[in-house]
Structure formats: structure tokens, C-alpha cells
Amino acid sequence: MSILGMILTLLIPWGAVLWGVNIYHQKGTWFLDGWNTMREEEKASYNEEEMCHLFGRCIIFCGVGAFLLLYGSFNQNDYILCSGIGVVAIAVILSILLPKINPGKYRK
């Protein structure tokens, strides 16, 4: 693996994990897509703490998936690459489905 490959393999996932931890602890919610453009009444209808916990966990898992994806890609290992894609896909799907399945937890 080249130096550029190692840097990308470590920095991109590390950035995603740090971002996820910040979102989990309700810092940086301004960076969530659509949150700043919501009306105050609509924001008040969400349980912000639970939403931040859900999205923070999903972003952390996406960071882990990105590490596996990049590591597998730079090392020509299809099994690791596919497992990284799977982790990212599961995190994204769960971030969409969980608020729909259990709206009482994520809405006030």
C-alpha cells in the first residue's frame, strides 16, 4: 500500500468517527443535512437527543465501513471491501428505517 493509500485509509474513516462522536454528543448538529433549514416548530417536534444518538452511531459505523472499504480496495481484497460496503449499507438503511419503525422514540 502506498503512502497516499495509507493516509486516505486512516484519515477519512477517522474524520467520520470523530464527526459521529460529535453528533452523538449533540455538538455540530448544524452540520446535519436539513436541520438548519427546518422551521422552529418542526425542530420542536423531534426528540433531538435521540436523533443525535441515532445519527451519531450511524456515522461512526459508516466510518468503520469506510475503513474496511478503503483497506480492502488498496490491498485488492474483495472480501474486506465488500464487508465495508455492507457495513455502510446497513448503517444507512437503519438510519432511515429506525425512525419510521419507532416514531415515538424520535418524535415528541
N, C-alpha and C. Protein backbone atom coordinates (compact mmCIF):
# COMPACT_ATOMS: atom_id res chain seq x y z
N MET A 1 0.84 -1.17 0.00
CA MET A 1 0.00 0.00 0.00
C MET A 1 0.89 1.23 0.00
N SER A 2 0.54 2.20 -0.81
CA SER A 2 1.34 3.42 -0.91
C SER A 2 1.06 4.33 0.29
N ILE A 3 1.89 5.35 0.41
CA ILE A 3 1.71 6.33 1.50
C ILE A 3 0.37 7.04 1.35
N LEU A 4 0.01 7.42 0.13
CA LEU A 4 -1.27 8.08 -0.11
C LEU A 4 -2.43 7.15 0.29
N GLY A 5 -2.31 5.88 -0.05
CA GLY A 5 -3.34 4.91 0.32
C GLY A 5 -3.49 4.78 1.82
N MET A 6 -2.37 4.74 2.53
CA MET A 6 -2.42 4.64 3.99
C MET A 6 -3.04 5.90 4.61
N ILE A 7 -2.66 7.05 4.07
CA ILE A 7 -3.21 8.31 4.59
C ILE A 7 -4.72 8.36 4.38
N LEU A 8 -5.17 8.03 3.17
CA LEU A 8 -6.61 8.03 2.89
C LEU A 8 -7.34 6.99 3.74
N THR A 9 -6.74 5.81 3.89
CA THR A 9 -7.36 4.74 4.65
C THR A 9 -7.53 5.11 6.11
N LEU A 10 -6.66 5.94 6.63
CA LEU A 10 -6.76 6.32 8.04
C LEU A 10 -7.50 7.63 8.27
N LEU A 11 -7.27 8.62 7.43
CA LEU A 11 -7.85 9.95 7.68
C LEU A 11 -9.35 10.03 7.42
N ILE A 12 -9.82 9.47 6.33
CA ILE A 12 -11.25 9.56 6.01
C ILE A 12 -12.10 8.86 7.08
N PRO A 13 -11.79 7.61 7.43
CA PRO A 13 -12.59 6.98 8.49
C PRO A 13 -12.45 7.68 9.85
N TRP A 14 -11.25 8.12 10.17
CA TRP A 14 -11.03 8.82 11.44
C TRP A 14 -11.88 10.09 11.50
N GLY A 15 -11.94 10.82 10.40
CA GLY A 15 -12.79 12.01 10.34
C GLY A 15 -14.26 11.67 10.52
N ALA A 16 -14.71 10.58 9.90
CA ALA A 16 -16.10 10.17 10.05
C ALA A 16 -16.41 9.75 11.49
N VAL A 17 -15.50 9.04 12.12
CA VAL A 17 -15.72 8.61 13.50
C VAL A 17 -15.76 9.83 14.43
N LEU A 18 -14.85 10.77 14.25
CA LEU A 18 -14.87 12.00 15.08
C LEU A 18 -16.15 12.78 14.88
N TRP A 19 -16.60 12.88 13.63
CA TRP A 19 -17.84 13.58 13.33
C TRP A 19 -19.01 12.85 14.00
N GLY A 20 -19.04 11.53 13.92
CA GLY A 20 -20.10 10.75 14.54
C GLY A 20 -20.14 10.92 16.05
N VAL A 21 -18.97 10.94 16.69
CA VAL A 21 -18.91 11.13 18.14
C VAL A 21 -19.43 12.52 18.50
N ASN A 22 -19.08 13.53 17.72
CA ASN A 22 -19.60 14.89 17.98
C ASN A 22 -21.11 14.95 17.82
N ILE A 23 -21.64 14.33 16.79
CA ILE A 23 -23.08 14.33 16.59
C ILE A 23 -23.76 13.56 17.74
N TYR A 24 -23.18 12.44 18.14
CA TYR A 24 -23.74 11.65 19.23
C TYR A 24 -23.86 12.48 20.51
N HIS A 25 -22.88 13.34 20.77
CA HIS A 25 -22.88 14.19 21.96
C HIS A 25 -23.54 15.54 21.70
N GLN A 26 -24.31 15.63 20.63
CA GLN A 26 -25.12 16.80 20.27
C GLN A 26 -24.31 18.06 20.03
N LYS A 27 -23.14 17.87 19.48
CA LYS A 27 -22.33 19.01 19.05
C LYS A 27 -22.25 18.94 17.53
N GLY A 28 -22.37 20.03 16.89
CA GLY A 28 -22.27 20.03 15.44
C GLY A 28 -23.55 19.63 14.73
N THR A 29 -24.70 19.82 15.39
CA THR A 29 -25.96 19.47 14.71
C THR A 29 -26.22 20.39 13.53
N TRP A 30 -25.56 21.52 13.50
CA TRP A 30 -25.70 22.42 12.36
C TRP A 30 -25.20 21.77 11.08
N PHE A 31 -24.40 20.71 11.22
CA PHE A 31 -23.83 20.05 10.05
C PHE A 31 -24.73 18.94 9.51
N LEU A 32 -25.82 18.62 10.23
CA LEU A 32 -26.76 17.63 9.73
C LEU A 32 -27.58 18.23 8.60
N ASP A 33 -27.75 17.45 7.56
CA ASP A 33 -28.46 17.93 6.38
C ASP A 33 -29.90 18.29 6.71
N GLY A 34 -30.28 19.50 6.40
CA GLY A 34 -31.66 19.94 6.56
C GLY A 34 -32.01 20.47 7.94
N TRP A 35 -31.17 20.28 8.93
CA TRP A 35 -31.51 20.71 10.28
C TRP A 35 -31.61 22.23 10.38
N ASN A 36 -30.69 22.94 9.74
CA ASN A 36 -30.70 24.40 9.81
C ASN A 36 -31.85 25.02 9.04
N THR A 37 -32.34 24.32 8.04
CA THR A 37 -33.40 24.89 7.21
C THR A 37 -34.80 24.57 7.73
N MET A 38 -34.89 23.75 8.78
CA MET A 38 -36.20 23.43 9.37
C MET A 38 -36.75 24.62 10.12
N ARG A 39 -38.07 24.73 10.09
CA ARG A 39 -38.72 25.75 10.91
C ARG A 39 -38.62 25.33 12.37
N GLU A 40 -38.68 26.29 13.26
CA GLU A 40 -38.54 26.03 14.69
C GLU A 40 -39.64 25.09 15.20
N GLU A 41 -40.87 25.22 14.65
CA GLU A 41 -41.96 24.33 15.07
C GLU A 41 -41.65 22.89 14.70
N GLU A 42 -41.07 22.71 13.52
CA GLU A 42 -40.73 21.36 13.07
C GLU A 42 -39.58 20.78 13.89
N LYS A 43 -38.58 21.60 14.21
CA LYS A 43 -37.48 21.14 15.06
C LYS A 43 -37.99 20.73 16.43
N ALA A 44 -38.96 21.47 16.94
CA ALA A 44 -39.50 21.17 18.26
C ALA A 44 -40.25 19.83 18.29
N SER A 45 -40.69 19.35 17.12
CA SER A 45 -41.42 18.07 17.08
C SER A 45 -40.49 16.86 17.14
N TYR A 46 -39.19 17.07 17.00
CA TYR A 46 -38.23 15.97 17.06
C TYR A 46 -37.61 15.86 18.44
N ASN A 47 -37.29 14.66 18.82
CA ASN A 47 -36.51 14.42 20.04
C ASN A 47 -35.04 14.53 19.62
N GLU A 48 -34.49 15.70 19.78
CA GLU A 48 -33.15 15.99 19.26
C GLU A 48 -32.09 15.07 19.85
N GLU A 49 -32.19 14.75 21.12
CA GLU A 49 -31.18 13.90 21.75
C GLU A 49 -31.16 12.50 21.12
N GLU A 50 -32.34 11.90 20.94
CA GLU A 50 -32.40 10.56 20.35
C GLU A 50 -31.98 10.57 18.88
N MET A 51 -32.35 11.61 18.16
CA MET A 51 -31.95 11.71 16.75
C MET A 51 -30.43 11.83 16.65
N CYS A 52 -29.83 12.62 17.51
CA CYS A 52 -28.37 12.76 17.50
C CYS A 52 -27.69 11.45 17.86
N HIS A 53 -28.25 10.73 18.81
CA HIS A 53 -27.67 9.43 19.17
C HIS A 53 -27.74 8.47 18.00
N LEU A 54 -28.88 8.42 17.32
CA LEU A 54 -29.04 7.52 16.18
C LEU A 54 -28.08 7.89 15.06
N PHE A 55 -28.08 9.15 14.66
CA PHE A 55 -27.24 9.55 13.54
C PHE A 55 -25.76 9.50 13.89
N GLY A 56 -25.42 9.78 15.14
CA GLY A 56 -24.03 9.66 15.57
C GLY A 56 -23.53 8.24 15.45
N ARG A 57 -24.35 7.28 15.91
CA ARG A 57 -23.96 5.86 15.78
C ARG A 57 -23.83 5.46 14.32
N CYS A 58 -24.77 5.90 13.49
CA CYS A 58 -24.73 5.54 12.07
C CYS A 58 -23.49 6.12 11.39
N ILE A 59 -23.11 7.33 11.73
CA ILE A 59 -21.92 7.93 11.13
C ILE A 59 -20.66 7.21 11.60
N ILE A 60 -20.63 6.80 12.86
CA ILE A 60 -19.48 6.03 13.36
C ILE A 60 -19.36 4.72 12.61
N PHE A 61 -20.48 4.01 12.43
CA PHE A 61 -20.44 2.76 11.67
C PHE A 61 -20.05 2.98 10.22
N CYS A 62 -20.48 4.11 9.64
CA CYS A 62 -20.05 4.43 8.27
C CYS A 62 -18.55 4.66 8.22
N GLY A 63 -17.98 5.26 9.27
CA GLY A 63 -16.53 5.44 9.33
C GLY A 63 -15.80 4.11 9.39
N VAL A 64 -16.32 3.18 10.17
CA VAL A 64 -15.73 1.84 10.23
C VAL A 64 -15.86 1.15 8.87
N GLY A 65 -17.03 1.29 8.25
CA GLY A 65 -17.23 0.72 6.92
C GLY A 65 -16.31 1.35 5.88
N ALA A 66 -16.08 2.66 5.99
CA ALA A 66 -15.18 3.33 5.06
C ALA A 66 -13.75 2.82 5.24
N PHE A 67 -13.35 2.56 6.48
CA PHE A 67 -12.02 2.00 6.71
C PHE A 67 -11.90 0.64 6.02
N LEU A 68 -12.88 -0.24 6.25
CA LEU A 68 -12.84 -1.56 5.62
C LEU A 68 -12.86 -1.45 4.10
N LEU A 69 -13.68 -0.56 3.59
CA LEU A 69 -13.78 -0.37 2.15
C LEU A 69 -12.45 0.10 1.56
N LEU A 70 -11.86 1.10 2.16
CA LEU A 70 -10.59 1.63 1.65
C LEU A 70 -9.45 0.63 1.82
N TYR A 71 -9.41 -0.02 2.98
CA TYR A 71 -8.36 -1.01 3.22
C TYR A 71 -8.46 -2.16 2.23
N GLY A 72 -9.65 -2.66 2.02
CA GLY A 72 -9.84 -3.74 1.05
C GLY A 72 -9.55 -3.30 -0.37
N SER A 73 -9.87 -2.07 -0.69
CA SER A 73 -9.63 -1.56 -2.03
C SER A 73 -8.14 -1.41 -2.33
N PHE A 74 -7.41 -0.82 -1.39
CA PHE A 74 -5.98 -0.61 -1.63
C PHE A 74 -5.17 -1.90 -1.54
N ASN A 75 -5.70 -2.92 -0.88
CA ASN A 75 -4.99 -4.19 -0.76
C ASN A 75 -5.56 -5.27 -1.69
N GLN A 76 -6.43 -4.90 -2.58
CA GLN A 76 -7.06 -5.81 -3.54
C GLN A 76 -7.68 -7.02 -2.83
N ASN A 77 -8.38 -6.79 -1.74
CA ASN A 77 -9.05 -7.85 -1.00
C ASN A 77 -10.56 -7.60 -1.10
N ASP A 78 -11.21 -8.36 -1.97
CA ASP A 78 -12.63 -8.15 -2.23
C ASP A 78 -13.51 -8.45 -1.04
N TYR A 79 -13.13 -9.40 -0.20
CA TYR A 79 -13.95 -9.75 0.95
C TYR A 79 -14.03 -8.61 1.96
N ILE A 80 -12.90 -7.99 2.23
CA ILE A 80 -12.89 -6.85 3.16
C ILE A 80 -13.62 -5.67 2.53
N LEU A 81 -13.40 -5.42 1.26
CA LEU A 81 -14.07 -4.33 0.56
C LEU A 81 -15.58 -4.52 0.62
N CYS A 82 -16.06 -5.72 0.32
CA CYS A 82 -17.50 -5.99 0.34
C CYS A 82 -18.08 -5.89 1.75
N SER A 83 -17.31 -6.29 2.75
CA SER A 83 -17.81 -6.16 4.11
C SER A 83 -17.93 -4.68 4.49
N GLY A 84 -17.01 -3.84 4.02
CA GLY A 84 -17.10 -2.40 4.25
C GLY A 84 -18.32 -1.81 3.59
N ILE A 85 -18.60 -2.23 2.37
CA ILE A 85 -19.81 -1.75 1.68
C ILE A 85 -21.05 -2.20 2.45
N GLY A 86 -21.02 -3.43 2.95
CA GLY A 86 -22.15 -3.94 3.72
C GLY A 86 -22.39 -3.16 5.00
N VAL A 87 -21.33 -2.83 5.71
CA VAL A 87 -21.46 -2.06 6.97
C VAL A 87 -22.05 -0.68 6.68
N VAL A 88 -21.57 -0.02 5.64
CA VAL A 88 -22.11 1.30 5.28
C VAL A 88 -23.58 1.17 4.88
N ALA A 89 -23.90 0.17 4.08
CA ALA A 89 -25.29 -0.01 3.63
C ALA A 89 -26.21 -0.27 4.81
N ILE A 90 -25.80 -1.12 5.74
CA ILE A 90 -26.64 -1.41 6.91
C ILE A 90 -26.84 -0.16 7.76
N ALA A 91 -25.78 0.63 7.95
CA ALA A 91 -25.90 1.86 8.75
C ALA A 91 -26.87 2.84 8.10
N VAL A 92 -26.77 3.00 6.79
CA VAL A 92 -27.65 3.94 6.09
C VAL A 92 -29.10 3.46 6.14
N ILE A 93 -29.30 2.18 5.89
CA ILE A 93 -30.66 1.63 5.91
C ILE A 93 -31.28 1.75 7.30
N LEU A 94 -30.51 1.43 8.33
CA LEU A 94 -31.04 1.55 9.69
C LEU A 94 -31.33 3.00 10.07
N SER A 95 -30.52 3.93 9.59
CA SER A 95 -30.78 5.34 9.91
C SER A 95 -32.07 5.84 9.27
N ILE A 96 -32.50 5.19 8.22
CA ILE A 96 -33.77 5.55 7.58
C ILE A 96 -34.93 4.78 8.22
N LEU A 97 -34.74 3.49 8.47
CA LEU A 97 -35.83 2.65 8.95
C LEU A 97 -36.18 2.84 10.42
N LEU A 98 -35.19 3.00 11.29
CA LEU A 98 -35.48 3.08 12.72
C LEU A 98 -36.44 4.21 13.09
N PRO A 99 -36.28 5.43 12.56
CA PRO A 99 -37.27 6.47 12.90
C PRO A 99 -38.67 6.16 12.35
N LYS A 100 -38.76 5.41 11.26
CA LYS A 100 -40.06 5.04 10.71
C LYS A 100 -40.71 3.94 11.53
N ILE A 101 -39.90 2.99 12.01
CA ILE A 101 -40.42 1.86 12.78
C ILE A 101 -40.86 2.30 14.18
N ASN A 102 -40.08 3.18 14.80
CA ASN A 102 -40.35 3.60 16.17
C ASN A 102 -40.45 5.13 16.25
N PRO A 103 -41.51 5.72 15.69
CA PRO A 103 -41.58 7.19 15.66
C PRO A 103 -41.74 7.81 17.04
N GLY A 104 -42.27 7.06 18.01
CA GLY A 104 -42.44 7.61 19.35
C GLY A 104 -41.13 7.94 20.04
N LYS A 105 -40.09 7.22 19.69
CA LYS A 105 -38.79 7.46 20.30
C LYS A 105 -38.10 8.69 19.70
N TYR A 106 -38.33 8.96 18.43
CA TYR A 106 -37.63 10.02 17.75
C TYR A 106 -38.48 11.30 17.55
N ARG A 107 -39.75 11.20 17.82
CA ARG A 107 -40.64 12.37 17.74
C ARG A 107 -41.25 12.63 19.11
N LYS A 108 -41.58 13.88 19.34
CA LYS A 108 -42.21 14.24 20.62
C LYS A 108 -43.72 14.17 20.49
